[in-house]
């Protein structure tokens, strides 16, 4: 099995193949990237048509950037 070196440690490549969140993005950036308004985003989330955010605490949420990228790629197919 291939190995990867991360921070000076050798680990099995399979252990690093889990989905990684590259960055968390907040609603204004999500709106800018997808060209949709807040109401449409939340309505589509309720309908299962848009990725759900990650709860950060209290009323704060953010989306995984890779979830938004995958959603954009999916609608472009």
C-alpha atoms as a PDB file:
ATOM      1  CA  UNK A   1       0.000   0.000   0.000  1.00  0.00           C
ATOM      2  CA  UNK A   2       1.372   3.474  -0.862  1.00  0.00           C
ATOM      3  CA  UNK A   3       2.575   5.604   1.993  1.00  0.00           C
ATOM      4  CA  UNK A   4       2.484   9.332   2.552  1.00  0.00           C
ATOM      5  CA  UNK A   5       4.632  11.482   4.752  1.00  0.00           C
ATOM      6  CA  UNK A   6       2.732  14.030   6.791  1.00  0.00           C
ATOM      7  CA  UNK A   7       4.553  16.216   9.304  1.00  0.00           C
ATOM      8  CA  UNK A   8       7.497  13.869   9.403  1.00  0.00           C
ATOM      9  CA  UNK A   9       5.439  10.717   9.988  1.00  0.00           C
ATOM     10  CA  UNK A  10       4.900   7.923   7.518  1.00  0.00           C
ATOM     11  CA  UNK A  11       1.270   6.807   7.364  1.00  0.00           C
ATOM     12  CA  UNK A  12      -0.792   4.553   5.137  1.00  0.00           C
ATOM     13  CA  UNK A  13      -2.182   6.437   2.120  1.00  0.00           C
ATOM     14  CA  UNK A  14      -5.627   4.914   2.701  1.00  0.00           C
ATOM     15  CA  UNK A  15      -5.806   6.690   6.061  1.00  0.00           C
ATOM     16  CA  UNK A  16      -5.502  10.051   4.275  1.00  0.00           C
ATOM     17  CA  UNK A  17      -8.136   9.297   1.629  1.00  0.00           C
ATOM     18  CA  UNK A  18     -11.008  10.452   3.827  1.00  0.00           C
ATOM     19  CA  UNK A  19     -12.799  13.544   2.615  1.00  0.00           C
ATOM     20  CA  UNK A  20     -10.867  16.643   3.588  1.00  0.00           C
ATOM     21  CA  UNK A  21     -12.402  20.027   4.211  1.00  0.00           C
ATOM     22  CA  UNK A  22     -10.039  22.443   2.575  1.00  0.00           C
ATOM     23  CA  UNK A  23     -11.715  25.551   3.933  1.00  0.00           C
ATOM     24  CA  UNK A  24     -14.958  26.686   5.523  1.00  0.00           C
ATOM     25  CA  UNK A  25     -16.762  29.514   3.762  1.00  0.00           C
ATOM     26  CA  UNK A  26     -19.511  31.756   5.100  1.00  0.00           C
ATOM     27  CA  UNK A  27     -22.815  32.671   3.442  1.00  0.00           C
ATOM     28  CA  UNK A  28     -21.692  35.857   1.614  1.00  0.00           C
ATOM     29  CA  UNK A  29     -18.955  33.922  -0.200  1.00  0.00           C
ATOM     30  CA  UNK A  30     -21.315  31.013  -0.940  1.00  0.00           C
ATOM     31  CA  UNK A  31     -23.815  33.480  -2.432  1.00  0.00           C
ATOM     32  CA  UNK A  32     -21.106  35.092  -4.542  1.00  0.00           C
ATOM     33  CA  UNK A  33     -19.778  31.766  -5.812  1.00  0.00           C
ATOM     34  CA  UNK A  34     -23.132  30.238  -6.747  1.00  0.00           C
ATOM     35  CA  UNK A  35     -24.975  33.401  -7.761  1.00  0.00           C
ATOM     36  CA  UNK A  36     -27.992  32.704  -5.539  1.00  0.00           C
ATOM     37  CA  UNK A  37     -29.647  34.714  -2.807  1.00  0.00           C
ATOM     38  CA  UNK A  38     -29.932  33.708   0.834  1.00  0.00           C
ATOM     39  CA  UNK A  39     -33.613  32.710   0.586  1.00  0.00           C
ATOM     40  CA  UNK A  40     -33.022  30.481  -2.429  1.00  0.00           C
ATOM     41  CA  UNK A  41     -30.032  28.785  -0.787  1.00  0.00           C
ATOM     42  CA  UNK A  42     -32.005  28.018   2.387  1.00  0.00           C
ATOM     43  CA  UNK A  43     -35.080  26.882   0.428  1.00  0.00           C
ATOM     44  CA  UNK A  44     -32.981  24.567  -1.739  1.00  0.00           C
ATOM     45  CA  UNK A  45     -31.260  23.191   1.384  1.00  0.00           C
ATOM     46  CA  UNK A  46     -34.693  22.335   2.825  1.00  0.00           C
ATOM     47  CA  UNK A  47     -35.601  20.654  -0.482  1.00  0.00           C
ATOM     48  CA  UNK A  48     -32.332  18.689  -0.537  1.00  0.00           C
ATOM     49  CA  UNK A  49     -31.060  20.527  -3.627  1.00  0.00           C
ATOM     50  CA  UNK A  50     -28.146  22.345  -1.981  1.00  0.00           C
ATOM     51  CA  UNK A  51     -25.411  21.288   0.478  1.00  0.00           C
ATOM     52  CA  UNK A  52     -26.154  21.856   4.149  1.00  0.00           C
ATOM     53  CA  UNK A  53     -23.775  23.942   6.243  1.00  0.00           C
ATOM     54  CA  UNK A  54     -21.693  22.882   9.211  1.00  0.00           C
ATOM     55  CA  UNK A  55     -22.850  24.255  12.561  1.00  0.00           C
ATOM     56  CA  UNK A  56     -20.014  26.255  14.128  1.00  0.00           C
ATOM     57  CA  UNK A  57     -21.803  27.125  17.340  1.00  0.00           C
ATOM     58  CA  UNK A  58     -24.777  29.228  18.274  1.00  0.00           C
ATOM     59  CA  UNK A  59     -26.266  30.588  15.075  1.00  0.00           C
ATOM     60  CA  UNK A  60     -22.988  30.492  13.145  1.00  0.00           C
ATOM     61  CA  UNK A  61     -22.709  28.193  10.155  1.00  0.00           C
ATOM     62  CA  UNK A  62     -20.277  27.721   7.287  1.00  0.00           C
ATOM     63  CA  UNK A  63     -20.086  25.469   4.264  1.00  0.00           C
ATOM     64  CA  UNK A  64     -17.246  23.140   3.353  1.00  0.00           C
ATOM     65  CA  UNK A  65     -15.675  24.692   0.277  1.00  0.00           C
ATOM     66  CA  UNK A  66     -15.350  21.298  -1.400  1.00  0.00           C
ATOM     67  CA  UNK A  67     -19.125  20.667  -0.937  1.00  0.00           C
ATOM     68  CA  UNK A  68     -19.861  23.908  -2.785  1.00  0.00           C
ATOM     69  CA  UNK A  69     -17.297  23.088  -5.500  1.00  0.00           C
ATOM     70  CA  UNK A  70     -18.877  19.631  -5.987  1.00  0.00           C
ATOM     71  CA  UNK A  71     -22.365  21.156  -6.164  1.00  0.00           C
ATOM     72  CA  UNK A  72     -21.218  23.652  -8.814  1.00  0.00           C
ATOM     73  CA  UNK A  73     -19.547  20.860 -10.809  1.00  0.00           C
ATOM     74  CA  UNK A  74     -22.731  18.780 -10.560  1.00  0.00           C
ATOM     75  CA  UNK A  75     -24.985  21.458 -12.015  1.00  0.00           C
ATOM     76  CA  UNK A  76     -22.537  22.070 -14.866  1.00  0.00           C
ATOM     77  CA  UNK A  77     -22.789  18.464 -16.090  1.00  0.00           C
END
